């Protein structure tokens, strides 16, 4: 039998699991909230999904890597773009999401709300 780490299913899902900030665990270690993945009727691996707040931190870190600098160093237009992206990904449905994003962007909560309101007003036009 192929070791789980070498299994083609694990190789196929690992980039997605990493992008989500999730964790791979053995199916025997799976908890009630974990997603067990099977291959040809046999449990191969389980995915432990992150808490929403952990996901937001992971998304912010990925955005910093993509921009090549801390988000707080971005110009206003880029910060507005970050807020739009985060809104589309549901970041502001997470408890303290606005505060977390404001801290990462180096702006006030009020500024984040202004960016959101500006975007929503533009959609209404």
PDB file of N, CA and C in Angstrom:
ATOM      1  N   UNK A   1       0.832  -1.178   0.000  1.00  0.00           N
ATOM      2  CA  UNK A   1       0.000   0.000   0.000  1.00  0.00           C
ATOM      3  C   UNK A   1       0.882   1.249   0.000  1.00  0.00           C
ATOM      4  N   UNK A   2       0.446   2.282  -0.696  1.00  0.00           N
ATOM      5  CA  UNK A   2       1.153   3.551  -0.752  1.00  0.00           C
ATOM      6  C   UNK A   2       1.004   4.286   0.573  1.00  0.00           C
ATOM      7  N   UNK A   3       2.106   4.849   1.052  1.00  0.00           N
ATOM      8  CA  UNK A   3       2.041   5.662   2.271  1.00  0.00           C
ATOM      9  C   UNK A   3       1.158   6.872   1.987  1.00  0.00           C
ATOM     10  N   UNK A   4       0.369   7.327   2.973  1.00  0.00           N
ATOM     11  CA  UNK A   4      -0.528   8.458   2.722  1.00  0.00           C
ATOM     12  C   UNK A   4       0.174   9.690   2.153  1.00  0.00           C
ATOM     13  N   UNK A   5       1.362  10.024   2.638  1.00  0.00           N
ATOM     14  CA  UNK A   5       2.057  11.221   2.139  1.00  0.00           C
ATOM     15  C   UNK A   5       2.419  11.082   0.667  1.00  0.00           C
ATOM     16  N   UNK A   6       2.605   9.852   0.197  1.00  0.00           N
ATOM     17  CA  UNK A   6       2.972   9.608  -1.194  1.00  0.00           C
ATOM     18  C   UNK A   6       1.762   9.302  -2.076  1.00  0.00           C
ATOM     19  N   UNK A   7       0.586   9.257  -1.482  1.00  0.00           N
ATOM     20  CA  UNK A   7      -0.622   8.894  -2.227  1.00  0.00           C
ATOM     21  C   UNK A   7      -0.977   9.996  -3.223  1.00  0.00           C
ATOM     22  N   UNK A   8      -1.420   9.632  -4.429  1.00  0.00           N
ATOM     23  CA  UNK A   8      -1.750  10.648  -5.431  1.00  0.00           C
ATOM     24  C   UNK A   8      -2.880  11.594  -4.983  1.00  0.00           C
ATOM     25  N   UNK A   9      -3.797  11.126  -4.169  1.00  0.00           N
ATOM     26  CA  UNK A   9      -4.862  11.996  -3.675  1.00  0.00           C
ATOM     27  C   UNK A   9      -4.277  13.091  -2.783  1.00  0.00           C
ATOM     28  N   UNK A  10      -3.336  12.720  -1.932  1.00  0.00           N
ATOM     29  CA  UNK A  10      -2.691  13.698  -1.043  1.00  0.00           C
ATOM     30  C   UNK A  10      -1.948  14.731  -1.880  1.00  0.00           C
ATOM     31  N   UNK A  11      -1.206  14.264  -2.873  1.00  0.00           N
ATOM     32  CA  UNK A  11      -0.470  15.178  -3.743  1.00  0.00           C
ATOM     33  C   UNK A  11      -1.420  16.127  -4.469  1.00  0.00           C
ATOM     34  N   UNK A  12      -2.588  15.621  -4.849  1.00  0.00           N
ATOM     35  CA  UNK A  12      -3.553  16.443  -5.585  1.00  0.00           C
ATOM     36  C   UNK A  12      -4.200  17.508  -4.713  1.00  0.00           C
ATOM     37  N   UNK A  13      -4.501  17.194  -3.452  1.00  0.00           N
ATOM     38  CA  UNK A  13      -5.212  18.150  -2.598  1.00  0.00           C
ATOM     39  C   UNK A  13      -4.284  19.053  -1.779  1.00  0.00           C
ATOM     40  N   UNK A  14      -3.015  18.698  -1.670  1.00  0.00           N
ATOM     41  CA  UNK A  14      -2.105  19.457  -0.807  1.00  0.00           C
ATOM     42  C   UNK A  14      -2.027  20.943  -1.158  1.00  0.00           C
ATOM     43  N   UNK A  15      -1.929  21.338  -2.436  1.00  0.00           N
ATOM     44  CA  UNK A  15      -1.898  22.784  -2.724  1.00  0.00           C
ATOM     45  C   UNK A  15      -3.152  23.513  -2.244  1.00  0.00           C
ATOM     46  N   UNK A  16      -4.304  22.890  -2.373  1.00  0.00           N
ATOM     47  CA  UNK A  16      -5.547  23.499  -1.902  1.00  0.00           C
ATOM     48  C   UNK A  16      -5.572  23.582  -0.381  1.00  0.00           C
ATOM     49  N   UNK A  17      -5.151  22.514   0.270  1.00  0.00           N
ATOM     50  CA  UNK A  17      -5.103  22.484   1.730  1.00  0.00           C
ATOM     51  C   UNK A  17      -4.162  23.578   2.241  1.00  0.00           C
ATOM     52  N   UNK A  18      -3.003  23.720   1.624  1.00  0.00           N
ATOM     53  CA  UNK A  18      -2.043  24.747   2.025  1.00  0.00           C
ATOM     54  C   UNK A  18      -2.621  26.147   1.805  1.00  0.00           C
ATOM     55  N   UNK A  19      -3.286  26.362   0.670  1.00  0.00           N
ATOM     56  CA  UNK A  19      -3.847  27.674   0.365  1.00  0.00           C
ATOM     57  C   UNK A  19      -4.939  28.067   1.353  1.00  0.00           C
ATOM     58  N   UNK A  20      -5.650  27.092   1.878  1.00  0.00           N
ATOM     59  CA  UNK A  20      -6.717  27.364   2.846  1.00  0.00           C
ATOM     60  C   UNK A  20      -6.185  27.517   4.263  1.00  0.00           C
ATOM     61  N   UNK A  21      -4.936  27.137   4.462  1.00  0.00           N
ATOM     62  CA  UNK A  21      -4.401  27.157   5.813  1.00  0.00           C
ATOM     63  C   UNK A  21      -4.888  25.977   6.631  1.00  0.00           C
ATOM     64  N   UNK A  22      -5.301  24.927   5.942  1.00  0.00           N
ATOM     65  CA  UNK A  22      -5.784  23.717   6.602  1.00  0.00           C
ATOM     66  C   UNK A  22      -4.607  22.805   6.925  1.00  0.00           C
ATOM     67  N   UNK A  23      -4.912  21.669   7.509  1.00  0.00           N
ATOM     68  CA  UNK A  23      -3.876  20.721   7.929  1.00  0.00           C
ATOM     69  C   UNK A  23      -4.296  19.318   7.513  1.00  0.00           C
ATOM     70  N   UNK A  24      -3.339  18.528   7.054  1.00  0.00           N
ATOM     71  CA  UNK A  24      -3.587  17.128   6.733  1.00  0.00           C
ATOM     72  C   UNK A  24      -3.285  16.274   7.953  1.00  0.00           C
ATOM     73  N   UNK A  25      -4.199  15.365   8.283  1.00  0.00           N
ATOM     74  CA  UNK A  25      -4.000  14.426   9.388  1.00  0.00           C
ATOM     75  C   UNK A  25      -4.393  13.038   8.908  1.00  0.00           C
ATOM     76  N   UNK A  26      -3.873  12.033   9.576  1.00  0.00           N
ATOM     77  CA  UNK A  26      -4.246  10.669   9.234  1.00  0.00           C
ATOM     78  C   UNK A  26      -5.725  10.437   9.499  1.00  0.00           C
ATOM     79  N   UNK A  27      -6.364   9.599   8.705  1.00  0.00           N
ATOM     80  CA  UNK A  27      -7.801   9.368   8.898  1.00  0.00           C
ATOM     81  C   UNK A  27      -8.126   8.828  10.291  1.00  0.00           C
ATOM     82  N   UNK A  28      -7.178   8.114  10.887  1.00  0.00           N
ATOM     83  CA  UNK A  28      -7.397   7.571  12.225  1.00  0.00           C
ATOM     84  C   UNK A  28      -7.385   8.669  13.294  1.00  0.00           C
ATOM     85  N   UNK A  29      -6.816   9.840  12.951  1.00  0.00           N
ATOM     86  CA  UNK A  29      -6.762  10.967  13.875  1.00  0.00           C
ATOM     87  C   UNK A  29      -7.852  11.997  13.611  1.00  0.00           C
ATOM     88  N   UNK A  30      -8.717  11.710  12.651  1.00  0.00           N
ATOM     89  CA  UNK A  30      -9.748  12.667  12.255  1.00  0.00           C
ATOM     90  C   UNK A  30     -10.751  12.883  13.378  1.00  0.00           C
ATOM     91  N   UNK A  31     -11.071  14.150  13.580  1.00  0.00           N
ATOM     92  CA  UNK A  31     -12.102  14.517  14.538  1.00  0.00           C
ATOM     93  C   UNK A  31     -13.433  14.656  13.833  1.00  0.00           C
ATOM     94  N   UNK A  32     -14.450  14.989  14.599  1.00  0.00           N
ATOM     95  CA  UNK A  32     -15.798  15.078  14.054  1.00  0.00           C
ATOM     96  C   UNK A  32     -15.935  16.180  13.005  1.00  0.00           C
ATOM     97  N   UNK A  33     -15.142  17.245  13.123  1.00  0.00           N
ATOM     98  CA  UNK A  33     -15.223  18.359  12.177  1.00  0.00           C
ATOM     99  C   UNK A  33     -14.259  18.235  11.005  1.00  0.00           C
ATOM    100  N   UNK A  34     -13.423  17.197  11.009  1.00  0.00           N
ATOM    101  CA  UNK A  34     -12.472  16.999   9.919  1.00  0.00           C
ATOM    102  C   UNK A  34     -13.161  16.339   8.733  1.00  0.00           C
ATOM    103  N   UNK A  35     -12.605  16.573   7.546  1.00  0.00           N
ATOM    104  CA  UNK A  35     -13.143  15.995   6.317  1.00  0.00           C
ATOM    105  C   UNK A  35     -12.234  14.845   5.899  1.00  0.00           C
ATOM    106  N   UNK A  36     -12.772  13.626   5.939  1.00  0.00           N
ATOM    107  CA  UNK A  36     -11.992  12.446   5.566  1.00  0.00           C
ATOM    108  C   UNK A  36     -12.141  12.225   4.066  1.00  0.00           C
ATOM    109  N   UNK A  37     -11.008  12.076   3.378  1.00  0.00           N
ATOM    110  CA  UNK A  37     -10.994  11.857   1.938  1.00  0.00           C
ATOM    111  C   UNK A  37     -10.666  10.394   1.653  1.00  0.00           C
ATOM    112  N   UNK A  38     -11.459   9.797   0.797  1.00  0.00           N
ATOM    113  CA  UNK A  38     -11.280   8.376   0.460  1.00  0.00           C
ATOM    114  C   UNK A  38     -10.879   8.252  -1.002  1.00  0.00           C
ATOM    115  N   UNK A  39     -10.185   7.144  -1.288  1.00  0.00           N
ATOM    116  CA  UNK A  39      -9.757   6.809  -2.647  1.00  0.00           C
ATOM    117  C   UNK A  39     -10.119   5.358  -2.869  1.00  0.00           C
ATOM    118  N   UNK A  40     -10.958   5.112  -3.841  1.00  0.00           N
ATOM    119  CA  UNK A  40     -11.410   3.746  -4.153  1.00  0.00           C
ATOM    120  C   UNK A  40     -11.927   3.036  -2.903  1.00  0.00           C
ATOM    121  N   UNK A  41     -12.735   3.749  -2.129  1.00  0.00           N
ATOM    122  CA  UNK A  41     -13.390   3.159  -0.974  1.00  0.00           C
ATOM    123  C   UNK A  41     -12.543   3.058   0.286  1.00  0.00           C
ATOM    124  N   UNK A  42     -11.308   3.523   0.243  1.00  0.00           N
ATOM    125  CA  UNK A  42     -10.426   3.446   1.403  1.00  0.00           C
ATOM    126  C   UNK A  42     -10.068   4.848   1.887  1.00  0.00           C
ATOM    127  N   UNK A  43     -10.246   5.107   3.196  1.00  0.00           N
ATOM    128  CA  UNK A  43      -9.877   6.402   3.764  1.00  0.00           C
ATOM    129  C   UNK A  43      -8.370   6.590   3.643  1.00  0.00           C
ATOM    130  N   UNK A  44      -7.973   7.735   3.071  1.00  0.00           N
ATOM    131  CA  UNK A  44      -6.563   7.991   2.813  1.00  0.00           C
ATOM    132  C   UNK A  44      -6.013   9.074   3.734  1.00  0.00           C
ATOM    133  N   UNK A  45      -6.743  10.162   3.848  1.00  0.00           N
ATOM    134  CA  UNK A  45      -6.256  11.328   4.587  1.00  0.00           C
ATOM    135  C   UNK A  45      -7.457  12.123   5.063  1.00  0.00           C
ATOM    136  N   UNK A  46      -7.242  12.924   6.083  1.00  0.00           N
ATOM    137  CA  UNK A  46      -8.291  13.826   6.554  1.00  0.00           C
ATOM    138  C   UNK A  46      -7.779  15.256   6.497  1.00  0.00           C
ATOM    139  N   UNK A  47      -8.687  16.170   6.249  1.00  0.00           N
ATOM    140  CA  UNK A  47      -8.358  17.585   6.198  1.00  0.00           C
ATOM    141  C   UNK A  47      -8.965  18.253   7.424  1.00  0.00           C
ATOM    142  N   UNK A  48      -8.109  18.897   8.197  1.00  0.00           N
ATOM    143  CA  UNK A  48      -8.552  19.649   9.372  1.00  0.00           C
ATOM    144  C   UNK A  48      -8.624  21.113   8.952  1.00  0.00           C
ATOM    145  N   UNK A  49      -9.843  21.607   8.837  1.00  0.00           N
ATOM    146  CA  UNK A  49     -10.052  22.979   8.402  1.00  0.00           C
ATOM    147  C   UNK A  49      -9.681  23.950   9.513  1.00  0.00           C
ATOM    148  N   UNK A  50      -9.133  25.093   9.145  1.00  0.00           N
ATOM    149  CA  UNK A  50      -8.756  26.079  10.170  1.00  0.00           C
ATOM    150  C   UNK A  50      -9.987  26.799  10.702  1.00  0.00           C
ATOM    151  N   UNK A  51      -9.842  27.388  11.872  1.00  0.00           N
ATOM    152  CA  UNK A  51     -10.882  28.272  12.386  1.00  0.00           C
ATOM    153  C   UNK A  51     -10.928  29.491  11.478  1.00  0.00           C
ATOM    154  N   UNK A  52     -12.076  30.140  11.390  1.00  0.00           N
ATOM    155  CA  UNK A  52     -12.203  31.287  10.493  1.00  0.00           C
ATOM    156  C   UNK A  52     -11.177  32.371  10.786  1.00  0.00           C
ATOM    157  N   UNK A  53     -10.914  32.632  12.051  1.00  0.00           N
ATOM    158  CA  UNK A  53      -9.942  33.686  12.378  1.00  0.00           C
ATOM    159  C   UNK A  53      -8.553  33.301  11.890  1.00  0.00           C
ATOM    160  N   UNK A  54      -8.202  32.015  11.963  1.00  0.00           N
ATOM    161  CA  UNK A  54      -6.921  31.551  11.446  1.00  0.00           C
ATOM    162  C   UNK A  54      -6.875  31.701   9.937  1.00  0.00           C
ATOM    163  N   UNK A  55      -8.001  31.457   9.283  1.00  0.00           N
ATOM    164  CA  UNK A  55      -8.068  31.603   7.832  1.00  0.00           C
ATOM    165  C   UNK A  55      -7.800  33.039   7.423  1.00  0.00           C
ATOM    166  N   UNK A  56      -8.360  33.985   8.163  1.00  0.00           N
ATOM    167  CA  UNK A  56      -8.146  35.392   7.834  1.00  0.00           C
ATOM    168  C   UNK A  56      -6.668  35.746   7.967  1.00  0.00           C
ATOM    169  N   UNK A  57      -6.037  35.294   9.027  1.00  0.00           N
ATOM    170  CA  UNK A  57      -4.596  35.546   9.186  1.00  0.00           C
ATOM    171  C   UNK A  57      -3.814  34.937   8.026  1.00  0.00           C
ATOM    172  N   UNK A  58      -4.218  33.743   7.607  1.00  0.00           N
ATOM    173  CA  UNK A  58      -3.545  33.065   6.494  1.00  0.00           C
ATOM    174  C   UNK A  58      -3.744  33.848   5.189  1.00  0.00           C
ATOM    175  N   UNK A  59      -4.946  34.340   4.965  1.00  0.00           N
ATOM    176  CA  UNK A  59      -5.239  35.117   3.761  1.00  0.00           C
ATOM    177  C   UNK A  59      -4.422  36.409   3.753  1.00  0.00           C
ATOM    178  N   UNK A  60      -4.363  37.076   4.904  1.00  0.00           N
ATOM    179  CA  UNK A  60      -3.581  38.319   4.986  1.00  0.00           C
ATOM    180  C   UNK A  60      -2.105  38.057   4.716  1.00  0.00           C
ATOM    181  N   UNK A  61      -1.572  36.982   5.254  1.00  0.00           N
ATOM    182  CA  UNK A  61      -0.165  36.641   5.012  1.00  0.00           C
ATOM    183  C   UNK A  61       0.071  36.351   3.532  1.00  0.00           C
ATOM    184  N   UNK A  62      -0.860  35.655   2.903  1.00  0.00           N
ATOM    185  CA  UNK A  62      -0.727  35.353   1.474  1.00  0.00           C
ATOM    186  C   UNK A  62      -0.780  36.630   0.644  1.00  0.00           C
ATOM    187  N   UNK A  63      -1.622  37.573   1.041  1.00  0.00           N
ATOM    188  CA  UNK A  63      -1.710  38.837   0.311  1.00  0.00           C
ATOM    189  C   UNK A  63      -0.421  39.636   0.464  1.00  0.00           C
ATOM    190  N   UNK A  64       0.188  39.589   1.648  1.00  0.00           N
ATOM    191  CA  UNK A  64       1.473  40.263   1.826  1.00  0.00           C
ATOM    192  C   UNK A  64       2.540  39.646   0.926  1.00  0.00           C
ATOM    193  N   UNK A  65       2.541  38.318   0.843  1.00  0.00           N
ATOM    194  CA  UNK A  65       3.511  37.654  -0.039  1.00  0.00           C
ATOM    195  C   UNK A  65       3.265  38.059  -1.489  1.00  0.00           C
ATOM    196  N   UNK A  66       2.014  38.125  -1.886  1.00  0.00           N
ATOM    197  CA  UNK A  66       1.675  38.476  -3.265  1.00  0.00           C
ATOM    198  C   UNK A  66       2.118  39.909  -3.592  1.00  0.00           C
ATOM    199  N   UNK A  67       1.945  40.811  -2.636  1.00  0.00           N
ATOM    200  CA  UNK A  67       2.344  42.209  -2.857  1.00  0.00           C
ATOM    201  C   UNK A  67       3.828  42.437  -2.625  1.00  0.00           C
ATOM    202  N   UNK A  68       4.483  41.494  -1.956  1.00  0.00           N
ATOM    203  CA  UNK A  68       5.914  41.607  -1.721  1.00  0.00           C
ATOM    204  C   UNK A  68       6.299  42.619  -0.652  1.00  0.00           C
ATOM    205  N   UNK A  69       5.323  42.977   0.177  1.00  0.00           N
ATOM    206  CA  UNK A  69       5.596  43.936   1.258  1.00  0.00           C
ATOM    207  C   UNK A  69       4.463  43.865   2.266  1.00  0.00           C
ATOM    208  N   UNK A  70       4.713  44.397   3.461  1.00  0.00           N
ATOM    209  CA  UNK A  70       3.620  44.451   4.433  1.00  0.00           C
ATOM    210  C   UNK A  70       2.456  45.259   3.860  1.00  0.00           C
ATOM    211  N   UNK A  71       1.239  44.831   4.159  1.00  0.00           N
ATOM    212  CA  UNK A  71       0.065  45.512   3.618  1.00  0.00           C
ATOM    213  C   UNK A  71      -0.004  46.966   4.082  1.00  0.00           C
ATOM    214  N   UNK A  72       0.528  47.248   5.254  1.00  0.00           N
ATOM    215  CA  UNK A  72       0.518  48.617   5.779  1.00  0.00           C
ATOM    216  C   UNK A  72       1.349  49.563   4.918  1.00  0.00           C
ATOM    217  N   UNK A  73       2.264  49.038   4.122  1.00  0.00           N
ATOM    218  CA  UNK A  73       3.119  49.877   3.267  1.00  0.00           C
ATOM    219  C   UNK A  73       2.510  50.141   1.887  1.00  0.00           C
ATOM    220  N   UNK A  74       1.362  49.546   1.598  1.00  0.00           N
ATOM    221  CA  UNK A  74       0.714  49.757   0.304  1.00  0.00           C
ATOM    222  C   UNK A  74       0.129  51.163   0.224  1.00  0.00           C
ATOM    223  N   UNK A  75      -0.041  51.658  -1.001  1.00  0.00           N
ATOM    224  CA  UNK A  75      -0.698  52.958  -1.149  1.00  0.00           C
ATOM    225  C   UNK A  75      -2.208  52.788  -0.968  1.00  0.00           C
ATOM    226  N   UNK A  76      -2.914  53.910  -0.891  1.00  0.00           N
ATOM    227  CA  UNK A  76      -4.347  53.883  -0.595  1.00  0.00           C
ATOM    228  C   UNK A  76      -5.135  53.056  -1.613  1.00  0.00           C
ATOM    229  N   UNK A  77      -4.832  53.221  -2.884  1.00  0.00           N
ATOM    230  CA  UNK A  77      -5.556  52.497  -3.925  1.00  0.00           C
ATOM    231  C   UNK A  77      -5.352  50.983  -3.762  1.00  0.00           C
ATOM    232  N   UNK A  78      -4.140  50.561  -3.470  1.00  0.00           N
ATOM    233  CA  UNK A  78      -3.857  49.136  -3.276  1.00  0.00           C
ATOM    234  C   UNK A  78      -4.569  48.611  -2.030  1.00  0.00           C
ATOM    235  N   UNK A  79      -4.600  49.423  -0.965  1.00  0.00           N
ATOM    236  CA  UNK A  79      -5.311  49.015   0.250  1.00  0.00           C
ATOM    237  C   UNK A  79      -6.802  48.849  -0.025  1.00  0.00           C
ATOM    238  N   UNK A  80      -7.364  49.749  -0.824  1.00  0.00           N
ATOM    239  CA  UNK A  80      -8.776  49.623  -1.194  1.00  0.00           C
ATOM    240  C   UNK A  80      -9.007  48.327  -1.975  1.00  0.00           C
ATOM    241  N   UNK A  81      -8.089  47.990  -2.843  1.00  0.00           N
ATOM    242  CA  UNK A  81      -8.188  46.741  -3.603  1.00  0.00           C
ATOM    243  C   UNK A  81      -8.125  45.527  -2.673  1.00  0.00           C
ATOM    244  N   UNK A  82      -7.246  45.590  -1.680  1.00  0.00           N
ATOM    245  CA  UNK A  82      -7.139  44.512  -0.697  1.00  0.00           C
ATOM    246  C   UNK A  82      -8.463  44.352   0.042  1.00  0.00           C
ATOM    247  N   UNK A  83      -9.074  45.459   0.444  1.00  0.00           N
ATOM    248  CA  UNK A  83     -10.346  45.403   1.159  1.00  0.00           C
ATOM    249  C   UNK A  83     -11.428  44.783   0.276  1.00  0.00           C
ATOM    250  N   UNK A  84     -11.461  45.139  -0.993  1.00  0.00           N
ATOM    251  CA  UNK A  84     -12.442  44.549  -1.922  1.00  0.00           C
ATOM    252  C   UNK A  84     -12.249  43.034  -2.026  1.00  0.00           C
ATOM    253  N   UNK A  85     -10.995  42.628  -2.154  1.00  0.00           N
ATOM    254  CA  UNK A  85     -10.697  41.193  -2.247  1.00  0.00           C
ATOM    255  C   UNK A  85     -11.118  40.474  -0.976  1.00  0.00           C
ATOM    256  N   UNK A  86     -10.788  41.063   0.165  1.00  0.00           N
ATOM    257  CA  UNK A  86     -11.141  40.443   1.444  1.00  0.00           C
ATOM    258  C   UNK A  86     -12.642  40.384   1.639  1.00  0.00           C
ATOM    259  N   UNK A  87     -13.353  41.420   1.212  1.00  0.00           N
ATOM    260  CA  UNK A  87     -14.812  41.400   1.322  1.00  0.00           C
ATOM    261  C   UNK A  87     -15.389  40.264   0.480  1.00  0.00           C
ATOM    262  N   UNK A  88     -14.859  40.087  -0.725  1.00  0.00           N
ATOM    263  CA  UNK A  88     -15.329  39.016  -1.606  1.00  0.00           C
ATOM    264  C   UNK A  88     -15.067  37.637  -1.002  1.00  0.00           C
ATOM    265  N   UNK A  89     -14.022  37.536  -0.194  1.00  0.00           N
ATOM    266  CA  UNK A  89     -13.672  36.257   0.430  1.00  0.00           C
ATOM    267  C   UNK A  89     -14.329  36.066   1.787  1.00  0.00           C
ATOM    268  N   UNK A  90     -15.168  37.007   2.204  1.00  0.00           N
ATOM    269  CA  UNK A  90     -15.906  36.859   3.444  1.00  0.00           C
ATOM    270  C   UNK A  90     -15.154  37.242   4.700  1.00  0.00           C
ATOM    271  N   UNK A  91     -14.082  38.000   4.557  1.00  0.00           N
ATOM    272  CA  UNK A  91     -13.245  38.333   5.708  1.00  0.00           C
ATOM    273  C   UNK A  91     -13.986  39.129   6.770  1.00  0.00           C
ATOM    274  N   UNK A  92     -14.990  39.873   6.357  1.00  0.00           N
ATOM    275  CA  UNK A  92     -15.647  40.743   7.316  1.00  0.00           C
ATOM    276  C   UNK A  92     -16.830  40.066   8.014  1.00  0.00           C
ATOM    277  N   UNK A  93     -17.036  38.803   7.700  1.00  0.00           N
ATOM    278  CA  UNK A  93     -18.038  38.029   8.436  1.00  0.00           C
ATOM    279  C   UNK A  93     -17.413  37.344   9.649  1.00  0.00           C
ATOM    280  N   UNK A  94     -16.091  37.385   9.725  1.00  0.00           N
ATOM    281  CA  UNK A  94     -15.353  36.811  10.843  1.00  0.00           C
ATOM    282  C   UNK A  94     -15.397  37.801  12.004  1.00  0.00           C
ATOM    283  N   UNK A  95     -15.586  37.292  13.200  1.00  0.00           N
ATOM    284  CA  UNK A  95     -15.588  38.161  14.378  1.00  0.00           C
ATOM    285  C   UNK A  95     -14.258  38.918  14.440  1.00  0.00           C
ATOM    286  N   UNK A  96     -14.338  40.208  14.625  1.00  0.00           N
ATOM    287  CA  UNK A  96     -13.182  41.109  14.678  1.00  0.00           C
ATOM    288  C   UNK A  96     -12.452  41.197  13.335  1.00  0.00           C
ATOM    289  N   UNK A  97     -13.139  40.838  12.251  1.00  0.00           N
ATOM    290  CA  UNK A  97     -12.514  40.885  10.931  1.00  0.00           C
ATOM    291  C   UNK A  97     -12.078  42.283  10.536  1.00  0.00           C
ATOM    292  N   UNK A  98     -12.943  43.273  10.778  1.00  0.00           N
ATOM    293  CA  UNK A  98     -12.589  44.646  10.416  1.00  0.00           C
ATOM    294  C   UNK A  98     -11.366  45.098  11.211  1.00  0.00           C
ATOM    295  N   UNK A  99     -11.353  44.798  12.501  1.00  0.00           N
ATOM    296  CA  UNK A  99     -10.220  45.188  13.338  1.00  0.00           C
ATOM    297  C   UNK A  99      -8.927  44.512  12.876  1.00  0.00           C
ATOM    298  N   UNK A 100      -9.023  43.236  12.546  1.00  0.00           N
ATOM    299  CA  UNK A 100      -7.848  42.485  12.095  1.00  0.00           C
ATOM    300  C   UNK A 100      -7.303  43.067  10.793  1.00  0.00           C
ATOM    301  N   UNK A 101      -8.206  43.331   9.859  1.00  0.00           N
ATOM    302  CA  UNK A 101      -7.793  43.890   8.570  1.00  0.00           C
ATOM    303  C   UNK A 101      -7.230  45.300   8.754  1.00  0.00           C
ATOM    304  N   UNK A 102      -7.889  46.100   9.573  1.00  0.00           N
ATOM    305  CA  UNK A 102      -7.397  47.457   9.825  1.00  0.00           C
ATOM    306  C   UNK A 102      -5.978  47.414  10.385  1.00  0.00           C
ATOM    307  N   UNK A 103      -5.734  46.513  11.324  1.00  0.00           N
ATOM    308  CA  UNK A 103      -4.393  46.386  11.888  1.00  0.00           C
ATOM    309  C   UNK A 103      -3.368  45.988  10.846  1.00  0.00           C
ATOM    310  N   UNK A 104      -3.729  45.054   9.974  1.00  0.00           N
ATOM    311  CA  UNK A 104      -2.799  44.605   8.933  1.00  0.00           C
ATOM    312  C   UNK A 104      -2.513  45.714   7.921  1.00  0.00           C
ATOM    313  N   UNK A 105      -3.530  46.548   7.645  1.00  0.00           N
ATOM    314  CA  UNK A 105      -3.361  47.624   6.673  1.00  0.00           C
ATOM    315  C   UNK A 105      -2.750  48.882   7.290  1.00  0.00           C
ATOM    316  N   UNK A 106      -2.691  48.922   8.606  1.00  0.00           N
ATOM    317  CA  UNK A 106      -2.153  50.103   9.264  1.00  0.00           C
ATOM    318  C   UNK A 106      -3.089  51.291   9.175  1.00  0.00           C
ATOM    319  N   UNK A 107      -4.398  51.021   9.165  1.00  0.00           N
ATOM    320  CA  UNK A 107      -5.415  52.078   9.102  1.00  0.00           C
ATOM    321  C   UNK A 107      -6.403  51.869  10.239  1.00  0.00           C
ATOM    322  N   UNK A 108      -7.310  52.801  10.400  1.00  0.00           N
ATOM    323  CA  UNK A 108      -8.331  52.671  11.438  1.00  0.00           C
ATOM    324  C   UNK A 108      -9.490  51.810  10.934  1.00  0.00           C
ATOM    325  N   UNK A 109     -10.296  51.346  11.861  1.00  0.00           N
ATOM    326  CA  UNK A 109     -11.525  50.623  11.485  1.00  0.00           C
ATOM    327  C   UNK A 109     -12.407  51.532  10.637  1.00  0.00           C
ATOM    328  N   UNK A 110     -12.459  52.796  11.012  1.00  0.00           N
ATOM    329  CA  UNK A 110     -13.257  53.774  10.285  1.00  0.00           C
ATOM    330  C   UNK A 110     -12.841  53.814   8.809  1.00  0.00           C
ATOM    331  N   UNK A 111     -11.544  53.775   8.554  1.00  0.00           N
ATOM    332  CA  UNK A 111     -11.038  53.789   7.172  1.00  0.00           C
ATOM    333  C   UNK A 111     -11.486  52.539   6.425  1.00  0.00           C
ATOM    334  N   UNK A 112     -11.405  51.380   7.075  1.00  0.00           N
ATOM    335  CA  UNK A 112     -11.859  50.137   6.424  1.00  0.00           C
ATOM    336  C   UNK A 112     -13.342  50.247   6.095  1.00  0.00           C
ATOM    337  N   UNK A 113     -14.143  50.751   7.041  1.00  0.00           N
ATOM    338  CA  UNK A 113     -15.576  50.934   6.768  1.00  0.00           C
ATOM    339  C   UNK A 113     -15.799  51.907   5.623  1.00  0.00           C
ATOM    340  N   UNK A 114     -14.984  52.963   5.549  1.00  0.00           N
ATOM    341  CA  UNK A 114     -15.103  53.898   4.423  1.00  0.00           C
ATOM    342  C   UNK A 114     -14.797  53.210   3.100  1.00  0.00           C
ATOM    343  N   UNK A 115     -13.751  52.381   3.073  1.00  0.00           N
ATOM    344  CA  UNK A 115     -13.432  51.638   1.850  1.00  0.00           C
ATOM    345  C   UNK A 115     -14.596  50.732   1.457  1.00  0.00           C
ATOM    346  N   UNK A 116     -15.174  50.059   2.444  1.00  0.00           N
ATOM    347  CA  UNK A 116     -16.312  49.166   2.165  1.00  0.00           C
ATOM    348  C   UNK A 116     -17.515  49.957   1.672  1.00  0.00           C
ATOM    349  N   UNK A 117     -17.811  51.066   2.334  1.00  0.00           N
ATOM    350  CA  UNK A 117     -18.967  51.886   1.932  1.00  0.00           C
ATOM    351  C   UNK A 117     -18.769  52.467   0.547  1.00  0.00           C
ATOM    352  N   UNK A 118     -17.550  52.888   0.234  1.00  0.00           N
ATOM    353  CA  UNK A 118     -17.255  53.430  -1.092  1.00  0.00           C
ATOM    354  C   UNK A 118     -17.486  52.366  -2.161  1.00  0.00           C
ATOM    355  N   UNK A 119     -17.028  51.151  -1.883  1.00  0.00           N
ATOM    356  CA  UNK A 119     -17.201  50.051  -2.833  1.00  0.00           C
ATOM    357  C   UNK A 119     -18.686  49.727  -3.010  1.00  0.00           C
ATOM    358  N   UNK A 120     -19.422  49.658  -1.910  1.00  0.00           N
ATOM    359  CA  UNK A 120     -20.852  49.345  -1.981  1.00  0.00           C
ATOM    360  C   UNK A 120     -21.630  50.453  -2.685  1.00  0.00           C
ATOM    361  N   UNK A 121     -21.238  51.721  -2.489  1.00  0.00           N
ATOM    362  CA  UNK A 121     -21.896  52.836  -3.175  1.00  0.00           C
ATOM    363  C   UNK A 121     -21.636  52.762  -4.677  1.00  0.00           C
ATOM    364  N   UNK A 122     -20.419  52.374  -5.044  1.00  0.00           N
ATOM    365  CA  UNK A 122     -20.080  52.255  -6.467  1.00  0.00           C
ATOM    366  C   UNK A 122     -20.889  51.136  -7.123  1.00  0.00           C
ATOM    367  N   UNK A 123     -21.146  50.066  -6.376  1.00  0.00           N
ATOM    368  CA  UNK A 123     -21.949  48.963  -6.920  1.00  0.00           C
ATOM    369  C   UNK A 123     -23.387  49.397  -7.136  1.00  0.00           C
ATOM    370  N   UNK A 124     -23.865  50.321  -6.297  1.00  0.00           N
ATOM    371  CA  UNK A 124     -25.245  50.781  -6.384  1.00  0.00           C
ATOM    372  C   UNK A 124     -25.490  51.737  -7.528  1.00  0.00           C
ATOM    373  N   UNK A 125     -24.426  52.316  -8.080  1.00  0.00           N
ATOM    374  CA  UNK A 125     -24.574  53.282  -9.182  1.00  0.00           C
ATOM    375  C   UNK A 125     -24.929  52.608 -10.476  1.00  0.00           C
TER     376      UNK A 125
END
